[in-house]
Amino acid sequence: MQLFSPFCPSCRENLARNGDSFTCSRCGRVYPLKNGAVDFLTSLPLSDAQQIVQATFDAVAASYDNAIVRLVESLSCPWGTYTGKLESFMANSSGKVILDVGCGTAFPVGSFVPQTSIYLGMDISLEMLGHARALLGENLNAALWNIDAERVPLPDNCIDLCLALMTFNVFPNPHRAATEIHRVLKKDGVVFGTVFIQPPRDETFQERPIAPDLVREILSVFDPALWELSFETQGGILFFHVQKNVKI
């Protein structure tokens, strides 16, 4: 697994690689590599709400893949339909820089990432990222970062495709996460994401359903004069897609 060099999420300076760690030349913070992921959270604090999310997903990491399939199908969305829409979106990702915000175990995304692309997976749970490393293997140009979604360790306008799968249901502050996605996305970039809009039967993840109107409000950071937002619903799952407004 190769590394795509991140920025310091605290001061957005380039990081220098020093063996098994990255060091910021401005603030001096050191971010070590742990199990194939850059651990930013040893040096950066989390809010109480973020710590709860972290602990929850650390605890369910080993069973997450099966649990997410059950969650999707319990909301009357066949798993084949869910993954089919994701695969269709990823069909044009060859040679692209892909950011997966709240990537978890990289399931099922990892199966659809072309070897010609750069995959950047970030998650608040180091345990989840350990499973992502095993799924992605050594054949992809992939980097994994243990960091929250409110501090994406990347410069502005550098991402071609952004994924946000079932993540806005979890983020304590989804508006700040959306602002960060907007910041790092290229002007012709694309966002694909999912949320569940009905209460799930399985409360393993302690997630909350989100109404479609709230999704629109969260994504209002993307100026409708410049960006086109589209929705599609399958059972209790809402698929959303953000792309450059072709009418411009």
C-alpha atoms as a PDB file:
ATOM      1  CA  MET A   1       0.000   0.000   0.000  1.00  0.00           C
ATOM      2  CA  GLN A   2       1.508   3.294  -1.082  1.00  0.00           C
ATOM      3  CA  LEU A   3       1.067   6.598   0.728  1.00  0.00           C
ATOM      4  CA  PHE A   4      -0.443   9.790  -0.645  1.00  0.00           C
ATOM      5  CA  SER A   5       1.158  12.553   1.410  1.00  0.00           C
ATOM      6  CA  PRO A   6      -1.403  14.407   3.567  1.00  0.00           C
ATOM      7  CA  PHE A   7      -1.395  17.951   4.924  1.00  0.00           C
ATOM      8  CA  CYS A   8      -1.331  18.779   8.616  1.00  0.00           C
ATOM      9  CA  PRO A   9      -5.034  19.001   9.575  1.00  0.00           C
ATOM     10  CA  SER A  10      -4.167  21.574  12.234  1.00  0.00           C
ATOM     11  CA  CYS A  11      -2.347  24.172  10.120  1.00  0.00           C
ATOM     12  CA  ARG A  12      -2.554  22.731   6.583  1.00  0.00           C
ATOM     13  CA  GLU A  13       1.158  22.608   5.990  1.00  0.00           C
ATOM     14  CA  ASN A  14       2.892  19.871   4.020  1.00  0.00           C
ATOM     15  CA  LEU A  15       4.041  16.986   6.204  1.00  0.00           C
ATOM     16  CA  ALA A  16       7.534  15.520   6.036  1.00  0.00           C
ATOM     17  CA  ARG A  17       7.877  11.727   6.179  1.00  0.00           C
ATOM     18  CA  ASN A  18      10.284  10.568   8.878  1.00  0.00           C
ATOM     19  CA  GLY A  19      10.376   6.802   8.930  1.00  0.00           C
ATOM     20  CA  ASP A  20       7.108   5.618  10.429  1.00  0.00           C
ATOM     21  CA  SER A  21       5.698   9.078  11.088  1.00  0.00           C
ATOM     22  CA  PHE A  22       4.864  12.430   9.506  1.00  0.00           C
ATOM     23  CA  THR A  23       5.975  15.745  11.029  1.00  0.00           C
ATOM     24  CA  CYS A  24       4.557  19.229  10.475  1.00  0.00           C
ATOM     25  CA  SER A  25       7.235  21.872   9.916  1.00  0.00           C
ATOM     26  CA  ARG A  26       4.989  24.639  11.260  1.00  0.00           C
ATOM     27  CA  CYS A  27       3.349  23.307  14.435  1.00  0.00           C
ATOM     28  CA  GLY A  28       5.745  20.439  15.126  1.00  0.00           C
ATOM     29  CA  ARG A  29       3.004  17.851  15.564  1.00  0.00           C
ATOM     30  CA  VAL A  30       4.047  14.283  14.875  1.00  0.00           C
ATOM     31  CA  TYR A  31       1.574  11.867  13.301  1.00  0.00           C
ATOM     32  CA  PRO A  32       2.674   8.210  13.540  1.00  0.00           C
ATOM     33  CA  LEU A  33       1.812   5.331  11.260  1.00  0.00           C
ATOM     34  CA  LYS A  34      -0.188   2.612  13.006  1.00  0.00           C
ATOM     35  CA  ASN A  35      -1.139  -0.577  11.202  1.00  0.00           C
ATOM     36  CA  GLY A  36      -0.859   1.081   7.812  1.00  0.00           C
ATOM     37  CA  ALA A  37      -2.843   4.228   8.712  1.00  0.00           C
ATOM     38  CA  VAL A  38      -1.637   7.716   9.620  1.00  0.00           C
ATOM     39  CA  ASP A  39      -2.811   8.363  13.191  1.00  0.00           C
ATOM     40  CA  PHE A  40      -3.684  12.044  13.459  1.00  0.00           C
ATOM     41  CA  LEU A  41      -5.808  11.636  16.570  1.00  0.00           C
ATOM     42  CA  THR A  42      -2.925  10.937  18.945  1.00  0.00           C
ATOM     43  CA  SER A  43      -1.981  14.613  18.511  1.00  0.00           C
ATOM     44  CA  LEU A  44      -5.394  16.181  17.907  1.00  0.00           C
ATOM     45  CA  PRO A  45      -8.297  16.309  20.391  1.00  0.00           C
ATOM     46  CA  LEU A  46     -11.796  14.999  19.710  1.00  0.00           C
ATOM     47  CA  SER A  47     -15.027  16.399  21.109  1.00  0.00           C
ATOM     48  CA  ASP A  48     -17.044  14.283  23.536  1.00  0.00           C
ATOM     49  CA  ALA A  49     -19.521  13.454  20.768  1.00  0.00           C
ATOM     50  CA  GLN A  50     -16.729  12.414  18.425  1.00  0.00           C
ATOM     51  CA  GLN A  51     -15.205  10.193  21.100  1.00  0.00           C
ATOM     52  CA  ILE A  52     -18.525   8.368  21.435  1.00  0.00           C
ATOM     53  CA  VAL A  53     -18.625   7.762  17.668  1.00  0.00           C
ATOM     54  CA  GLN A  54     -15.025   6.569  17.745  1.00  0.00           C
ATOM     55  CA  ALA A  55     -15.660   4.118  20.592  1.00  0.00           C
ATOM     56  CA  THR A  56     -18.818   2.800  18.932  1.00  0.00           C
ATOM     57  CA  PHE A  57     -17.118   1.965  15.655  1.00  0.00           C
ATOM     58  CA  ASP A  58     -13.977   0.617  17.296  1.00  0.00           C
ATOM     59  CA  ALA A  59     -16.267  -1.860  19.070  1.00  0.00           C
ATOM     60  CA  VAL A  60     -18.171  -3.003  15.946  1.00  0.00           C
ATOM     61  CA  ALA A  61     -15.282  -3.002  13.457  1.00  0.00           C
ATOM     62  CA  ALA A  62     -14.989  -6.787  13.245  1.00  0.00           C
ATOM     63  CA  SER A  63     -18.691  -7.255  12.469  1.00  0.00           C
ATOM     64  CA  TYR A  64     -19.289  -4.072  10.489  1.00  0.00           C
ATOM     65  CA  ASP A  65     -19.402  -5.528   6.971  1.00  0.00           C
ATOM     66  CA  ASN A  66     -22.198  -7.972   7.792  1.00  0.00           C
ATOM     67  CA  ALA A  67     -24.010  -5.374   9.872  1.00  0.00           C
ATOM     68  CA  ILE A  68     -24.095  -2.778   7.061  1.00  0.00           C
ATOM     69  CA  VAL A  69     -25.602  -5.335   4.680  1.00  0.00           C
ATOM     70  CA  ARG A  70     -28.314  -6.121   7.252  1.00  0.00           C
ATOM     71  CA  LEU A  71     -28.925  -2.422   7.818  1.00  0.00           C
ATOM     72  CA  VAL A  72     -29.412  -1.636   4.130  1.00  0.00           C
ATOM     73  CA  GLU A  73     -31.664  -4.625   3.456  1.00  0.00           C
ATOM     74  CA  SER A  74     -33.723  -4.000   6.607  1.00  0.00           C
ATOM     75  CA  LEU A  75     -34.644  -0.646   5.056  1.00  0.00           C
ATOM     76  CA  SER A  76     -36.115  -2.340   1.952  1.00  0.00           C
ATOM     77  CA  CYS A  77     -33.130  -1.606  -0.272  1.00  0.00           C
ATOM     78  CA  PRO A  78     -31.696  -4.794  -1.814  1.00  0.00           C
ATOM     79  CA  TRP A  79     -27.954  -5.003  -1.271  1.00  0.00           C
ATOM     80  CA  GLY A  80     -27.453  -5.606  -4.997  1.00  0.00           C
ATOM     81  CA  THR A  81     -29.257  -2.346  -5.751  1.00  0.00           C
ATOM     82  CA  TYR A  82     -27.152  -0.449  -3.212  1.00  0.00           C
ATOM     83  CA  THR A  83     -23.833  -1.776  -4.515  1.00  0.00           C
ATOM     84  CA  GLY A  84     -24.990  -1.479  -8.128  1.00  0.00           C
ATOM     85  CA  LYS A  85     -25.445   2.275  -7.779  1.00  0.00           C
ATOM     86  CA  LEU A  86     -22.044   2.565  -6.137  1.00  0.00           C
ATOM     87  CA  GLU A  87     -20.398   0.485  -8.854  1.00  0.00           C
ATOM     88  CA  SER A  88     -22.036   2.630 -11.526  1.00  0.00           C
ATOM     89  CA  PHE A  89     -20.659   5.784  -9.918  1.00  0.00           C
ATOM     90  CA  MET A  90     -17.183   4.274  -9.631  1.00  0.00           C
ATOM     91  CA  ALA A  91     -17.175   3.175 -13.286  1.00  0.00           C
ATOM     92  CA  ASN A  92     -15.693   6.543 -14.298  1.00  0.00           C
ATOM     93  CA  SER A  93     -13.111   6.731 -11.519  1.00  0.00           C
ATOM     94  CA  SER A  94     -10.123   5.343 -13.408  1.00  0.00           C
ATOM     95  CA  GLY A  95      -7.104   7.591 -12.919  1.00  0.00           C
ATOM     96  CA  LYS A  96      -8.975   9.775 -10.426  1.00  0.00           C
ATOM     97  CA  VAL A  97      -8.191  10.854  -6.865  1.00  0.00           C
ATOM     98  CA  ILE A  98     -10.945   9.395  -4.683  1.00  0.00           C
ATOM     99  CA  LEU A  99     -11.678  10.574  -1.137  1.00  0.00           C
ATOM    100  CA  ASP A 100     -13.814   8.259   1.001  1.00  0.00           C
ATOM    101  CA  VAL A 101     -15.022  10.282   4.001  1.00  0.00           C
ATOM    102  CA  GLY A 102     -15.905   7.983   6.877  1.00  0.00           C
ATOM    103  CA  CYS A 103     -14.597   5.025   4.894  1.00  0.00           C
ATOM    104  CA  GLY A 104     -14.910   2.521   7.745  1.00  0.00           C
ATOM    105  CA  THR A 105     -13.622  -0.857   6.570  1.00  0.00           C
ATOM    106  CA  ALA A 106     -13.619   0.313   2.902  1.00  0.00           C
ATOM    107  CA  PHE A 107     -16.471  -2.156   2.334  1.00  0.00           C
ATOM    108  CA  PRO A 108     -17.894  -2.382  -0.267  1.00  0.00           C
ATOM    109  CA  VAL A 109     -16.020   0.491  -1.958  1.00  0.00           C
ATOM    110  CA  GLY A 110     -12.682  -1.288  -2.128  1.00  0.00           C
ATOM    111  CA  SER A 111     -14.018  -3.780  -4.649  1.00  0.00           C
ATOM    112  CA  PHE A 112     -14.738  -1.001  -7.151  1.00  0.00           C
ATOM    113  CA  VAL A 113     -11.559   1.106  -6.932  1.00  0.00           C
ATOM    114  CA  PRO A 114      -9.488   0.871 -10.153  1.00  0.00           C
ATOM    115  CA  GLN A 115      -5.768   0.151  -9.796  1.00  0.00           C
ATOM    116  CA  THR A 116      -5.085   3.329 -11.760  1.00  0.00           C
ATOM    117  CA  SER A 117      -6.791   5.526  -9.154  1.00  0.00           C
ATOM    118  CA  ILE A 118      -5.590   7.002  -5.861  1.00  0.00           C
ATOM    119  CA  TYR A 119      -7.846   6.014  -2.960  1.00  0.00           C
ATOM    120  CA  LEU A 120      -7.791   8.135   0.208  1.00  0.00           C
ATOM    121  CA  GLY A 121      -9.804   6.639   3.041  1.00  0.00           C
ATOM    122  CA  MET A 122     -10.345   8.528   6.281  1.00  0.00           C
ATOM    123  CA  ASP A 123     -12.176   7.416   9.393  1.00  0.00           C
ATOM    124  CA  ILE A 124     -12.351   8.291  13.077  1.00  0.00           C
ATOM    125  CA  SER A 125     -11.947   4.626  14.061  1.00  0.00           C
ATOM    126  CA  LEU A 126      -8.464   3.136  13.857  1.00  0.00           C
ATOM    127  CA  GLU A 127      -9.991  -0.328  14.302  1.00  0.00           C
ATOM    128  CA  MET A 128     -12.142   0.141  11.206  1.00  0.00           C
ATOM    129  CA  LEU A 129      -9.104   1.291   9.242  1.00  0.00           C
ATOM    130  CA  GLY A 130      -7.245  -1.865  10.221  1.00  0.00           C
ATOM    131  CA  HIS A 131      -9.923  -3.888   8.439  1.00  0.00           C
ATOM    132  CA  ALA A 132      -9.790  -1.477   5.480  1.00  0.00           C
ATOM    133  CA  ARG A 133      -6.062  -2.084   5.119  1.00  0.00           C
ATOM    134  CA  ALA A 134      -6.663  -5.833   4.956  1.00  0.00           C
ATOM    135  CA  LEU A 135      -9.435  -5.443   2.360  1.00  0.00           C
ATOM    136  CA  LEU A 136      -7.500  -3.057   0.110  1.00  0.00           C
ATOM    137  CA  GLY A 137      -4.335  -5.156   0.133  1.00  0.00           C
ATOM    138  CA  GLU A 138      -1.133  -3.982  -1.538  1.00  0.00           C
ATOM    139  CA  ASN A 139      -2.272  -3.582  -5.142  1.00  0.00           C
ATOM    140  CA  LEU A 140      -3.998  -0.220  -4.849  1.00  0.00           C
ATOM    141  CA  ASN A 141      -2.435   3.226  -4.525  1.00  0.00           C
ATOM    142  CA  ALA A 142      -4.223   3.849  -1.244  1.00  0.00           C
ATOM    143  CA  ALA A 143      -3.684   5.878   1.910  1.00  0.00           C
ATOM    144  CA  LEU A 144      -5.644   5.535   5.150  1.00  0.00           C
ATOM    145  CA  TRP A 145      -5.976   8.333   7.674  1.00  0.00           C
ATOM    146  CA  ASN A 146      -7.301   8.168  11.230  1.00  0.00           C
ATOM    147  CA  ILE A 147      -8.971  11.574  11.450  1.00  0.00           C
ATOM    148  CA  ASP A 148     -12.450  13.047  11.871  1.00  0.00           C
ATOM    149  CA  ALA A 149     -14.419  14.454   8.932  1.00  0.00           C
ATOM    150  CA  GLU A 150     -14.190  18.036  10.192  1.00  0.00           C
ATOM    151  CA  ARG A 151     -10.442  18.265   9.509  1.00  0.00           C
ATOM    152  CA  VAL A 152      -9.677  16.723   6.124  1.00  0.00           C
ATOM    153  CA  PRO A 153      -5.854  16.640   5.825  1.00  0.00           C
ATOM    154  CA  LEU A 154      -5.779  17.864   2.228  1.00  0.00           C
ATOM    155  CA  PRO A 155      -5.275  21.136   0.356  1.00  0.00           C
ATOM    156  CA  ASP A 156      -8.102  22.898  -1.450  1.00  0.00           C
ATOM    157  CA  ASN A 157      -9.408  21.692  -4.822  1.00  0.00           C
ATOM    158  CA  CYS A 158      -7.545  18.382  -5.091  1.00  0.00           C
ATOM    159  CA  ILE A 159     -10.224  15.653  -5.107  1.00  0.00           C
ATOM    160  CA  ASP A 160     -11.954  14.300  -8.226  1.00  0.00           C
ATOM    161  CA  LEU A 161     -14.510  12.008  -6.567  1.00  0.00           C
ATOM    162  CA  CYS A 162     -15.771  12.050  -2.998  1.00  0.00           C
ATOM    163  CA  LEU A 163     -17.738   9.281  -1.301  1.00  0.00           C
ATOM    164  CA  ALA A 164     -19.867   9.793   1.809  1.00  0.00           C
ATOM    165  CA  LEU A 165     -21.656   6.489   2.432  1.00  0.00           C
ATOM    166  CA  MET A 166     -23.930   6.414   5.498  1.00  0.00           C
ATOM    167  CA  THR A 167     -21.683   9.015   7.092  1.00  0.00           C
ATOM    168  CA  PHE A 168     -23.919  12.044   7.580  1.00  0.00           C
ATOM    169  CA  ASN A 169     -26.062   9.801   9.791  1.00  0.00           C
ATOM    170  CA  VAL A 170     -23.065   9.527  12.112  1.00  0.00           C
ATOM    171  CA  PHE A 171     -21.141  12.808  12.038  1.00  0.00           C
ATOM    172  CA  PRO A 172     -21.781  14.959  15.152  1.00  0.00           C
ATOM    173  CA  ASN A 173     -21.489  18.054  12.940  1.00  0.00           C
ATOM    174  CA  PRO A 174     -22.441  17.071   9.365  1.00  0.00           C
ATOM    175  CA  HIS A 175     -22.462  20.708   8.224  1.00  0.00           C
ATOM    176  CA  ARG A 176     -18.760  21.102   8.991  1.00  0.00           C
ATOM    177  CA  ALA A 177     -18.030  17.811   7.249  1.00  0.00           C
ATOM    178  CA  ALA A 178     -19.876  19.021   4.142  1.00  0.00           C
ATOM    179  CA  THR A 179     -17.903  22.271   4.228  1.00  0.00           C
ATOM    180  CA  GLU A 180     -14.645  20.305   4.248  1.00  0.00           C
ATOM    181  CA  ILE A 181     -15.810  18.120   1.354  1.00  0.00           C
ATOM    182  CA  HIS A 182     -16.670  21.258  -0.603  1.00  0.00           C
ATOM    183  CA  ARG A 183     -13.255  22.752   0.184  1.00  0.00           C
ATOM    184  CA  VAL A 184     -11.170  19.837  -1.097  1.00  0.00           C
ATOM    185  CA  LEU A 185     -13.342  18.975  -4.117  1.00  0.00           C
ATOM    186  CA  LYS A 186     -12.186  20.182  -7.531  1.00  0.00           C
ATOM    187  CA  LYS A 187     -14.443  22.591  -9.387  1.00  0.00           C
ATOM    188  CA  ASP A 188     -15.470  19.764 -11.709  1.00  0.00           C
ATOM    189  CA  GLY A 189     -15.468  17.130  -8.968  1.00  0.00           C
ATOM    190  CA  VAL A 190     -18.325  14.810  -8.046  1.00  0.00           C
ATOM    191  CA  VAL A 191     -19.820  13.631  -4.746  1.00  0.00           C
ATOM    192  CA  PHE A 192     -21.777  10.413  -4.260  1.00  0.00           C
ATOM    193  CA  GLY A 193     -23.319   9.496  -0.949  1.00  0.00           C
ATOM    194  CA  THR A 194     -26.037   7.681   0.937  1.00  0.00           C
ATOM    195  CA  VAL A 195     -28.015   8.239   4.114  1.00  0.00           C
ATOM    196  CA  PHE A 196     -30.865   6.332   5.673  1.00  0.00           C
ATOM    197  CA  ILE A 197     -34.035   8.320   6.111  1.00  0.00           C
ATOM    198  CA  GLN A 198     -36.036   5.842   8.192  1.00  0.00           C
ATOM    199  CA  PRO A 199     -35.218   4.418  11.638  1.00  0.00           C
ATOM    200  CA  PRO A 200     -33.315   1.139  11.192  1.00  0.00           C
ATOM    201  CA  ARG A 201     -34.356  -2.014  12.997  1.00  0.00           C
ATOM    202  CA  ASP A 202     -30.762  -2.707  13.971  1.00  0.00           C
ATOM    203  CA  GLU A 203     -29.371   0.016  16.237  1.00  0.00           C
ATOM    204  CA  THR A 204     -25.852  -1.406  16.295  1.00  0.00           C
ATOM    205  CA  PHE A 205     -24.277   1.852  15.189  1.00  0.00           C
ATOM    206  CA  GLN A 206     -26.473   4.223  17.226  1.00  0.00           C
ATOM    207  CA  GLU A 207     -27.010   6.263  14.067  1.00  0.00           C
ATOM    208  CA  ARG A 208     -29.889   8.645  13.455  1.00  0.00           C
ATOM    209  CA  PRO A 209     -32.119   8.835  10.387  1.00  0.00           C
ATOM    210  CA  ILE A 210     -31.894  12.078   8.401  1.00  0.00           C
ATOM    211  CA  ALA A 211     -34.813  13.656   6.553  1.00  0.00           C
ATOM    212  CA  PRO A 212     -34.234  14.517   2.868  1.00  0.00           C
ATOM    213  CA  ASP A 213     -34.779  18.227   3.610  1.00  0.00           C
ATOM    214  CA  LEU A 214     -31.932  18.116   6.126  1.00  0.00           C
ATOM    215  CA  VAL A 215     -29.661  16.471   3.554  1.00  0.00           C
ATOM    216  CA  ARG A 216     -30.431  19.338   1.187  1.00  0.00           C
ATOM    217  CA  GLU A 217     -29.678  21.824   3.938  1.00  0.00           C
ATOM    218  CA  ILE A 218     -26.383  20.113   4.826  1.00  0.00           C
ATOM    219  CA  LEU A 219     -25.332  20.147   1.172  1.00  0.00           C
ATOM    220  CA  SER A 220     -26.389  23.775   0.658  1.00  0.00           C
ATOM    221  CA  VAL A 221     -22.691  24.618   0.978  1.00  0.00           C
ATOM    222  CA  PHE A 222     -22.637  23.672  -2.709  1.00  0.00           C
ATOM    223  CA  ASP A 223     -24.014  26.784  -4.421  1.00  0.00           C
ATOM    224  CA  PRO A 224     -26.936  25.635  -6.639  1.00  0.00           C
ATOM    225  CA  ALA A 225     -25.849  28.157  -9.250  1.00  0.00           C
ATOM    226  CA  LEU A 226     -22.621  26.165  -9.635  1.00  0.00           C
ATOM    227  CA  TRP A 227     -23.539  22.668  -8.500  1.00  0.00           C
ATOM    228  CA  GLU A 228     -26.379  20.291  -9.297  1.00  0.00           C
ATOM    229  CA  LEU A 229     -27.778  18.136  -6.487  1.00  0.00           C
ATOM    230  CA  SER A 230     -29.889  15.084  -7.311  1.00  0.00           C
ATOM    231  CA  PHE A 231     -31.659  12.530  -5.103  1.00  0.00           C
ATOM    232  CA  GLU A 232     -32.903   8.997  -5.569  1.00  0.00           C
ATOM    233  CA  THR A 233     -34.696   6.920  -2.937  1.00  0.00           C
ATOM    234  CA  GLN A 234     -34.819   3.142  -2.608  1.00  0.00           C
ATOM    235  CA  GLY A 235     -36.816   2.035   0.415  1.00  0.00           C
ATOM    236  CA  GLY A 236     -35.370   3.832   3.436  1.00  0.00           C
ATOM    237  CA  ILE A 237     -32.086   4.707   1.701  1.00  0.00           C
ATOM    238  CA  LEU A 238     -31.494   8.078   0.045  1.00  0.00           C
ATOM    239  CA  PHE A 239     -28.777   8.281  -2.633  1.00  0.00           C
ATOM    240  CA  PHE A 240     -27.438  11.764  -3.379  1.00  0.00           C
ATOM    241  CA  HIS A 241     -25.205  13.031  -6.156  1.00  0.00           C
ATOM    242  CA  VAL A 242     -23.460  16.395  -6.431  1.00  0.00           C
ATOM    243  CA  GLN A 243     -21.809  17.496  -9.669  1.00  0.00           C
ATOM    244  CA  LYS A 244     -20.931  20.647 -11.554  1.00  0.00           C
ATOM    245  CA  ASN A 245     -23.978  22.407 -12.987  1.00  0.00           C
ATOM    246  CA  VAL A 246     -23.811  21.559 -16.680  1.00  0.00           C
ATOM    247  CA  LYS A 247     -25.947  24.623 -17.526  1.00  0.00           C
ATOM    248  CA  ILE A 248     -23.096  26.959 -16.656  1.00  0.00           C
END
